[in-house]
Amino acid sequence: MIRVLVVDDHQLVRAGLITLLRAADDIEVVGEAADGQQAIEAARAVRPDVTLMDLSMPVLDGIAATGQLLAEDPGMRVVALTSFSDRQRVSDVLAAGAVGYLLKDSRPDDLLAAVRAAASGHAPLDPRVAGALLPSREPPAAEQLSDREKQVLRLVAAGLANKQIARRLGIAESTVKVHTGNIFRRIGVTDRTSAALWAREHLGNPS
């Protein structure tokens, strides 16, 4: 039998999960908890094989609880229960040691399969979120800048004001403002000092 602990701060959700799991011949629900602290205490008492862990909870959230659970019992398998909007939380809970995650609107059969997969040493990952967690395939920011934008950025890094840059490049000051706005957005900065530091690191010395 696969011993399962169900952790969710919504009583109706918890009850539904427990009912579903108990209908399976090979799964035994050995405990439930309404927050991360309760989960830690319950896990100490019942030693589950698999813990279904909600992420957004009071007292102690699922990410912190997962880290503490696995520090005490490295052999436990934690599967996160999440909503699609929790992409960063999913990434964080996997980093904390969870073996997988399910979306809360998963089909009942998928939930049971995920519990069995986790207990067998596999990593059940909902494909609807998996793609969002893969490294971005966008080219590096420096490659997204046009030659003109690189010219403008180098002059920003050299300490020139927009009016001076416009005069140096023979373009309107308003055009320089458009370029700097685009540059800041692409390289992920909000001010000229940060842009200058980025330019020195990625484009070499300003010219």
Protein backbone atom coordinates (compact mmCIF):
# COMPACT_ATOMS: atom_id res chain seq x y z
CA MET A 1 0.00 0.00 0.00
CA ILE A 2 1.13 3.53 -0.79
CA ARG A 3 0.83 5.68 2.34
CA VAL A 4 -0.29 9.22 1.45
CA LEU A 5 -0.50 12.47 3.43
CA VAL A 6 -2.87 15.11 1.97
CA VAL A 7 -2.01 18.76 2.65
CA ASP A 8 -4.34 21.59 1.57
CA ASP A 9 -5.80 24.55 3.44
CA HIS A 10 -9.22 24.18 1.79
CA GLN A 11 -11.27 21.57 3.62
CA LEU A 12 -13.46 20.74 0.60
CA VAL A 13 -10.43 20.20 -1.62
CA ARG A 14 -8.81 18.04 1.03
CA ALA A 15 -11.97 15.97 1.49
CA GLY A 16 -12.31 15.44 -2.25
CA LEU A 17 -8.70 14.31 -2.59
CA ILE A 18 -9.05 11.92 0.34
CA THR A 19 -12.24 10.40 -1.07
CA LEU A 20 -10.60 9.88 -4.44
CA LEU A 21 -7.45 8.34 -3.00
CA ARG A 22 -9.32 6.03 -0.65
CA ALA A 23 -11.22 4.56 -3.60
CA ALA A 24 -7.96 3.11 -4.94
CA ASP A 25 -7.07 -0.39 -3.76
CA ASP A 26 -3.34 0.32 -3.51
CA ILE A 27 -3.45 3.68 -1.71
CA GLU A 28 -3.98 4.41 1.98
CA VAL A 29 -4.56 7.96 3.25
CA VAL A 30 -2.67 8.05 6.54
CA GLY A 31 -3.12 11.72 7.41
CA GLU A 32 -4.23 15.21 6.42
CA ALA A 33 -3.12 18.74 7.22
CA ALA A 34 -4.41 22.26 6.63
CA ASP A 35 -1.07 24.10 6.56
CA GLY A 36 2.64 23.45 6.28
CA GLN A 37 3.28 23.30 10.02
CA GLN A 38 0.51 20.73 10.49
CA ALA A 39 2.01 18.79 7.57
CA ILE A 40 5.38 18.55 9.30
CA GLU A 41 3.78 17.36 12.54
CA ALA A 42 1.56 14.84 10.72
CA ALA A 43 4.47 13.49 8.67
CA ARG A 44 6.47 12.87 11.84
CA ALA A 45 3.56 10.86 13.23
CA VAL A 46 2.50 8.82 10.20
CA ARG A 47 5.63 8.65 7.97
CA PRO A 48 3.90 8.78 4.54
CA ASP A 49 5.47 7.47 1.35
CA VAL A 50 3.97 10.33 -0.68
CA THR A 51 2.80 13.78 0.43
CA LEU A 52 0.42 15.77 -1.78
CA MET A 53 1.40 19.34 -0.96
CA ASP A 54 -0.61 22.48 -1.62
CA LEU A 55 1.67 25.48 -2.14
CA SER A 56 -0.25 28.55 -0.98
CA MET A 57 -1.19 28.03 2.68
CA PRO A 58 -1.21 29.99 5.95
CA VAL A 59 1.25 29.55 8.82
CA LEU A 60 3.86 27.80 6.64
CA ASP A 61 3.59 27.54 2.87
CA GLY A 62 4.13 24.38 0.87
CA ILE A 63 7.60 25.33 -0.34
CA ALA A 64 9.02 25.84 3.15
CA ALA A 65 7.18 22.78 4.43
CA THR A 66 8.60 20.64 1.63
CA GLY A 67 12.13 21.67 2.50
CA GLN A 68 11.63 20.84 6.17
CA LEU A 69 9.87 17.54 5.48
CA LEU A 70 12.66 16.32 3.23
CA ALA A 71 15.35 17.49 5.64
CA GLU A 72 13.79 15.20 8.25
CA ASP A 73 12.86 12.34 5.89
CA PRO A 74 14.85 12.41 2.62
CA GLY A 75 13.08 9.28 1.40
CA MET A 76 9.64 10.91 1.34
CA ARG A 77 8.22 11.82 -2.07
CA VAL A 78 6.49 15.21 -2.25
CA VAL A 79 4.16 16.05 -5.14
CA ALA A 80 3.04 19.68 -5.29
CA LEU A 81 -0.58 20.61 -5.97
CA THR A 82 -0.75 23.93 -7.75
CA SER A 83 -2.64 26.24 -10.04
CA PHE A 84 -1.28 27.18 -13.46
CA SER A 85 -0.44 30.71 -12.28
CA ASP A 86 2.02 29.34 -9.71
CA ARG A 87 4.91 28.85 -12.16
CA GLN A 88 7.50 30.49 -9.92
CA ARG A 89 6.20 28.58 -6.92
CA VAL A 90 6.44 25.32 -8.88
CA SER A 91 10.05 26.12 -9.73
CA ASP A 92 10.73 26.93 -6.07
CA VAL A 93 9.12 23.78 -4.70
CA LEU A 94 11.05 21.60 -7.14
CA ALA A 95 14.21 23.32 -5.95
CA ALA A 96 13.13 22.50 -2.38
CA GLY A 97 13.07 18.81 -3.28
CA ALA A 98 9.58 17.97 -4.55
CA VAL A 99 9.63 15.23 -7.18
CA GLY A 100 6.74 16.57 -9.22
CA TYR A 101 3.61 18.66 -9.42
CA LEU A 102 0.00 18.41 -10.49
CA LEU A 103 -2.45 21.12 -11.48
CA LYS A 104 -5.52 21.23 -9.27
CA ASP A 105 -7.82 20.66 -12.24
CA SER A 106 -6.11 17.39 -13.18
CA ARG A 107 -8.30 14.39 -13.95
CA PRO A 108 -8.78 11.90 -11.11
CA ASP A 109 -6.94 9.18 -13.03
CA ASP A 110 -3.98 11.51 -13.52
CA LEU A 111 -3.82 12.21 -9.77
CA LEU A 112 -3.80 8.51 -8.92
CA ALA A 113 -1.19 7.86 -11.60
CA ALA A 114 0.99 10.65 -10.21
CA VAL A 115 0.86 9.22 -6.68
CA ARG A 116 1.82 5.79 -7.98
CA ALA A 117 4.59 7.24 -10.14
CA ALA A 118 6.04 9.21 -7.23
CA ALA A 119 5.95 6.16 -4.98
CA SER A 120 7.79 4.17 -7.67
CA GLY A 121 10.60 6.70 -7.85
CA HIS A 122 9.43 8.62 -10.90
CA ALA A 123 8.76 12.35 -11.30
CA PRO A 124 5.15 13.13 -12.24
CA LEU A 125 5.14 16.52 -13.97
CA ASP A 126 2.03 18.05 -15.51
CA PRO A 127 2.95 18.77 -19.16
CA ARG A 128 0.82 21.93 -19.14
CA VAL A 129 3.33 23.64 -16.87
CA ALA A 130 6.51 21.80 -17.82
CA GLY A 131 7.11 23.96 -20.88
CA ALA A 132 6.88 27.12 -18.83
CA LEU A 133 9.68 25.90 -16.57
CA LEU A 134 12.13 25.12 -19.35
CA PRO A 135 14.95 27.61 -19.91
CA SER A 136 13.97 30.38 -22.29
CA ARG A 137 14.96 29.81 -25.90
CA GLU A 138 15.10 33.52 -26.62
CA PRO A 139 18.52 34.70 -27.80
CA PRO A 140 20.68 36.60 -25.29
CA ALA A 141 19.67 40.22 -24.84
CA ALA A 142 22.82 41.49 -26.58
CA GLU A 143 21.79 39.62 -29.73
CA GLN A 144 18.33 41.19 -29.63
CA LEU A 145 19.75 44.71 -29.88
CA SER A 146 20.12 46.29 -33.30
CA ASP A 147 23.43 47.85 -34.32
CA ARG A 148 21.96 51.31 -33.74
CA GLU A 149 20.72 50.32 -30.28
CA LYS A 150 24.19 49.03 -29.42
CA GLN A 151 25.65 52.37 -30.54
CA VAL A 152 23.19 54.23 -28.33
CA LEU A 153 23.85 51.93 -25.38
CA ARG A 154 27.61 52.36 -25.66
CA LEU A 155 27.18 56.14 -25.61
CA VAL A 156 24.87 55.86 -22.59
CA ALA A 157 27.60 53.82 -20.92
CA ALA A 158 30.11 56.54 -21.81
CA GLY A 159 27.99 58.99 -19.81
CA LEU A 160 26.47 61.01 -22.68
CA ALA A 161 23.03 62.57 -22.26
CA ASN A 162 20.29 61.98 -24.84
CA LYS A 163 20.90 65.35 -26.48
CA GLN A 164 24.63 64.57 -26.84
CA ILE A 165 23.90 61.11 -28.22
CA ALA A 166 21.50 62.59 -30.76
CA ARG A 167 24.14 65.08 -31.89
CA ARG A 168 26.85 62.38 -32.06
CA LEU A 169 24.71 60.02 -34.16
CA GLY A 170 22.94 62.67 -36.22
CA ILE A 171 19.44 61.64 -35.12
CA ALA A 172 16.60 63.36 -33.25
CA GLU A 173 16.64 63.40 -29.46
CA SER A 174 13.16 61.85 -29.49
CA THR A 175 14.59 58.94 -31.49
CA VAL A 176 17.28 58.46 -28.85
CA LYS A 177 14.56 58.31 -26.19
CA VAL A 178 12.75 55.59 -28.14
CA HIS A 179 15.99 53.62 -28.51
CA THR A 180 16.87 53.87 -24.83
CA GLY A 181 13.36 52.77 -23.82
CA ASN A 182 13.63 49.71 -26.07
CA ILE A 183 17.13 48.96 -24.83
CA PHE A 184 16.19 49.18 -21.16
CA ARG A 185 13.25 46.83 -21.71
CA ARG A 186 15.30 44.25 -23.61
CA ILE A 187 18.20 44.11 -21.18
CA GLY A 188 15.96 44.29 -18.11
CA VAL A 189 17.08 47.54 -16.48
CA THR A 190 15.28 50.73 -15.44
CA ASP A 191 18.01 53.39 -15.25
CA ARG A 192 21.10 54.63 -17.09
CA THR A 193 23.55 53.50 -14.42
CA SER A 194 22.34 49.90 -14.61
CA ALA A 195 22.38 50.10 -18.41
CA ALA A 196 25.99 51.32 -18.33
CA LEU A 197 27.04 48.46 -16.08
CA TRP A 198 25.24 45.98 -18.34
CA ALA A 199 26.92 47.46 -21.43
CA ARG A 200 30.40 47.20 -19.94
CA GLU A 201 29.79 43.54 -19.08
CA HIS A 202 28.16 42.48 -22.35
CA LEU A 203 29.40 44.91 -25.01
CA GLY A 204 32.91 45.72 -23.80
CA ASN A 205 34.28 49.19 -23.21
CA PRO A 206 32.08 52.04 -24.48
CA SER A 207 33.25 53.72 -27.66
